Amino acid sequence: EIGDLMGMSRSAVQRHRTKTLNELRKKLKAHLPEGG
């Protein structure tokens, strides 16, 4: 498990993953027309 290798708890990994996904969504929305 990647989280174990990095010494991170599973919840921390999940939080980071969610945060990253949210950031990606914001970036995508910035490039998409409204409603896209």
PDB file of N, CA and C in Angstrom:
ATOM      1  N   GLU A   1       0.857  -1.202   0.000  1.00  0.00           N
ATOM      2  CA  GLU A   1       0.000   0.000   0.000  1.00  0.00           C
ATOM      3  C   GLU A   1       0.887   1.245   0.000  1.00  0.00           C
ATOM      4  N   ILE A   2       0.602   2.178  -0.892  1.00  0.00           N
ATOM      5  CA  ILE A   2       1.406   3.404  -1.001  1.00  0.00           C
ATOM      6  C   ILE A   2       1.387   4.175   0.319  1.00  0.00           C
ATOM      7  N   GLY A   3       0.220   4.256   0.936  1.00  0.00           N
ATOM      8  CA  GLY A   3       0.095   4.998   2.196  1.00  0.00           C
ATOM      9  C   GLY A   3       1.019   4.441   3.261  1.00  0.00           C
ATOM     10  N   ASP A   4       1.121   3.106   3.331  1.00  0.00           N
ATOM     11  CA  ASP A   4       1.990   2.493   4.324  1.00  0.00           C
ATOM     12  C   ASP A   4       3.449   2.847   4.053  1.00  0.00           C
ATOM     13  N   LEU A   5       3.841   2.845   2.801  1.00  0.00           N
ATOM     14  CA  LEU A   5       5.218   3.170   2.445  1.00  0.00           C
ATOM     15  C   LEU A   5       5.563   4.593   2.869  1.00  0.00           C
ATOM     16  N   MET A   6       4.610   5.488   2.742  1.00  0.00           N
ATOM     17  CA  MET A   6       4.852   6.888   3.076  1.00  0.00           C
ATOM     18  C   MET A   6       4.611   7.159   4.552  1.00  0.00           C
ATOM     19  N   GLY A   7       4.154   6.157   5.289  1.00  0.00           N
ATOM     20  CA  GLY A   7       3.923   6.338   6.713  1.00  0.00           C
ATOM     21  C   GLY A   7       2.687   7.175   6.985  1.00  0.00           C
ATOM     22  N   MET A   8       1.773   7.201   6.041  1.00  0.00           N
ATOM     23  CA  MET A   8       0.543   7.985   6.223  1.00  0.00           C
ATOM     24  C   MET A   8      -0.587   7.055   6.620  1.00  0.00           C
ATOM     25  N   SER A   9      -1.492   7.568   7.421  1.00  0.00           N
ATOM     26  CA  SER A   9      -2.664   6.764   7.766  1.00  0.00           C
ATOM     27  C   SER A   9      -3.592   6.709   6.565  1.00  0.00           C
ATOM     28  N   ARG A  10      -4.425   5.679   6.526  1.00  0.00           N
ATOM     29  CA  ARG A  10      -5.314   5.508   5.384  1.00  0.00           C
ATOM     30  C   ARG A  10      -6.234   6.715   5.243  1.00  0.00           C
ATOM     31  N   SER A  11      -6.722   7.238   6.373  1.00  0.00           N
ATOM     32  CA  SER A  11      -7.637   8.384   6.310  1.00  0.00           C
ATOM     33  C   SER A  11      -6.926   9.606   5.731  1.00  0.00           C
ATOM     34  N   ALA A  12      -5.657   9.765   6.068  1.00  0.00           N
ATOM     35  CA  ALA A  12      -4.896  10.899   5.541  1.00  0.00           C
ATOM     36  C   ALA A  12      -4.762  10.773   4.031  1.00  0.00           C
ATOM     37  N   VAL A  13      -4.527   9.544   3.571  1.00  0.00           N
ATOM     38  CA  VAL A  13      -4.404   9.311   2.125  1.00  0.00           C
ATOM     39  C   VAL A  13      -5.722   9.634   1.443  1.00  0.00           C
ATOM     40  N   GLN A  14      -6.824   9.197   2.057  1.00  0.00           N
ATOM     41  CA  GLN A  14      -8.142   9.451   1.463  1.00  0.00           C
ATOM     42  C   GLN A  14      -8.416  10.947   1.395  1.00  0.00           C
ATOM     43  N   ARG A  15      -8.062  11.658   2.483  1.00  0.00           N
ATOM     44  CA  ARG A  15      -8.274  13.110   2.501  1.00  0.00           C
ATOM     45  C   ARG A  15      -7.474  13.759   1.391  1.00  0.00           C
ATOM     46  N   HIS A  16      -6.206  13.353   1.255  1.00  0.00           N
ATOM     47  CA  HIS A  16      -5.343  13.937   0.232  1.00  0.00           C
ATOM     48  C   HIS A  16      -5.893  13.650  -1.156  1.00  0.00           C
ATOM     49  N   ARG A  17      -6.382  12.417  -1.339  1.00  0.00           N
ATOM     50  CA  ARG A  17      -6.913  12.031  -2.647  1.00  0.00           C
ATOM     51  C   ARG A  17      -8.137  12.875  -2.976  1.00  0.00           C
ATOM     52  N   THR A  18      -9.008  13.067  -1.987  1.00  0.00           N
ATOM     53  CA  THR A  18     -10.218  13.864  -2.200  1.00  0.00           C
ATOM     54  C   THR A  18      -9.839  15.307  -2.528  1.00  0.00           C
ATOM     55  N   LYS A  19      -8.867  15.841  -1.784  1.00  0.00           N
ATOM     56  CA  LYS A  19      -8.440  17.214  -2.017  1.00  0.00           C
ATOM     57  C   LYS A  19      -7.895  17.364  -3.430  1.00  0.00           C
ATOM     58  N   THR A  20      -7.084  16.399  -3.855  1.00  0.00           N
ATOM     59  CA  THR A  20      -6.502  16.448  -5.195  1.00  0.00           C
ATOM     60  C   THR A  20      -7.590  16.395  -6.257  1.00  0.00           C
ATOM     61  N   LEU A  21      -8.576  15.519  -6.053  1.00  0.00           N
ATOM     62  CA  LEU A  21      -9.672  15.408  -7.021  1.00  0.00           C
ATOM     63  C   LEU A  21     -10.439  16.721  -7.093  1.00  0.00           C
ATOM     64  N   ASN A  22     -10.675  17.339  -5.939  1.00  0.00           N
ATOM     65  CA  ASN A  22     -11.400  18.607  -5.926  1.00  0.00           C
ATOM     66  C   ASN A  22     -10.619  19.677  -6.682  1.00  0.00           C
ATOM     67  N   GLU A  23      -9.307  19.706  -6.489  1.00  0.00           N
ATOM     68  CA  GLU A  23      -8.474  20.682  -7.193  1.00  0.00           C
ATOM     69  C   GLU A  23      -8.550  20.451  -8.702  1.00  0.00           C
ATOM     70  N   LEU A  24      -8.496  19.185  -9.108  1.00  0.00           N
ATOM     71  CA  LEU A  24      -8.575  18.870 -10.539  1.00  0.00           C
ATOM     72  C   LEU A  24      -9.913  19.311 -11.105  1.00  0.00           C
ATOM     73  N   ARG A  25     -10.982  19.077 -10.340  1.00  0.00           N
ATOM     74  CA  ARG A  25     -12.311  19.472 -10.815  1.00  0.00           C
ATOM     75  C   ARG A  25     -12.384  20.977 -11.004  1.00  0.00           C
ATOM     76  N   LYS A  26     -11.789  21.728 -10.076  1.00  0.00           N
ATOM     77  CA  LYS A  26     -11.806  23.192 -10.190  1.00  0.00           C
ATOM     78  C   LYS A  26     -11.071  23.620 -11.450  1.00  0.00           C
ATOM     79  N   LYS A  27      -9.923  22.983 -11.692  1.00  0.00           N
ATOM     80  CA  LYS A  27      -9.141  23.336 -12.883  1.00  0.00           C
ATOM     81  C   LYS A  27      -9.923  23.018 -14.148  1.00  0.00           C
ATOM     82  N   LEU A  28     -10.568  21.856 -14.169  1.00  0.00           N
ATOM     83  CA  LEU A  28     -11.353  21.474 -15.342  1.00  0.00           C
ATOM     84  C   LEU A  28     -12.493  22.457 -15.560  1.00  0.00           C
ATOM     85  N   LYS A  29     -13.190  22.802 -14.483  1.00  0.00           N
ATOM     86  CA  LYS A  29     -14.327  23.724 -14.597  1.00  0.00           C
ATOM     87  C   LYS A  29     -13.871  25.067 -15.141  1.00  0.00           C
ATOM     88  N   ALA A  30     -12.666  25.482 -14.781  1.00  0.00           N
ATOM     89  CA  ALA A  30     -12.148  26.762 -15.258  1.00  0.00           C
ATOM     90  C   ALA A  30     -11.984  26.738 -16.774  1.00  0.00           C
ATOM     91  N   HIS A  31     -11.734  25.558 -17.334  1.00  0.00           N
ATOM     92  CA  HIS A  31     -11.522  25.444 -18.781  1.00  0.00           C
ATOM     93  C   HIS A  31     -12.812  25.129 -19.533  1.00  0.00           C
ATOM     94  N   LEU A  32     -13.830  24.671 -18.806  1.00  0.00           N
ATOM     95  CA  LEU A  32     -15.082  24.301 -19.469  1.00  0.00           C
ATOM     96  C   LEU A  32     -16.059  25.463 -19.459  1.00  0.00           C
ATOM     97  N   PRO A  33     -16.896  25.561 -20.485  1.00  0.00           N
ATOM     98  CA  PRO A  33     -17.964  26.561 -20.476  1.00  0.00           C
ATOM     99  C   PRO A  33     -18.943  26.242 -19.363  1.00  0.00           C
ATOM    100  N   GLU A  34     -19.639  27.228 -18.863  1.00  0.00           N
ATOM    101  CA  GLU A  34     -20.584  27.021 -17.757  1.00  0.00           C
ATOM    102  C   GLU A  34     -21.595  25.954 -18.132  1.00  0.00           C
ATOM    103  N   GLY A  35     -21.872  25.039 -17.204  1.00  0.00           N
ATOM    104  CA  GLY A  35     -22.826  23.981 -17.490  1.00  0.00           C
ATOM    105  C   GLY A  35     -22.169  22.793 -18.150  1.00  0.00           C
ATOM    106  N   GLY A  36     -20.888  22.890 -18.452  1.00  0.00           N
ATOM    107  CA  GLY A  36     -20.216  21.764 -19.062  1.00  0.00           C
ATOM    108  C   GLY A  36     -19.678  20.899 -17.976  1.00  0.00           C
TER     109      GLY A  36
END
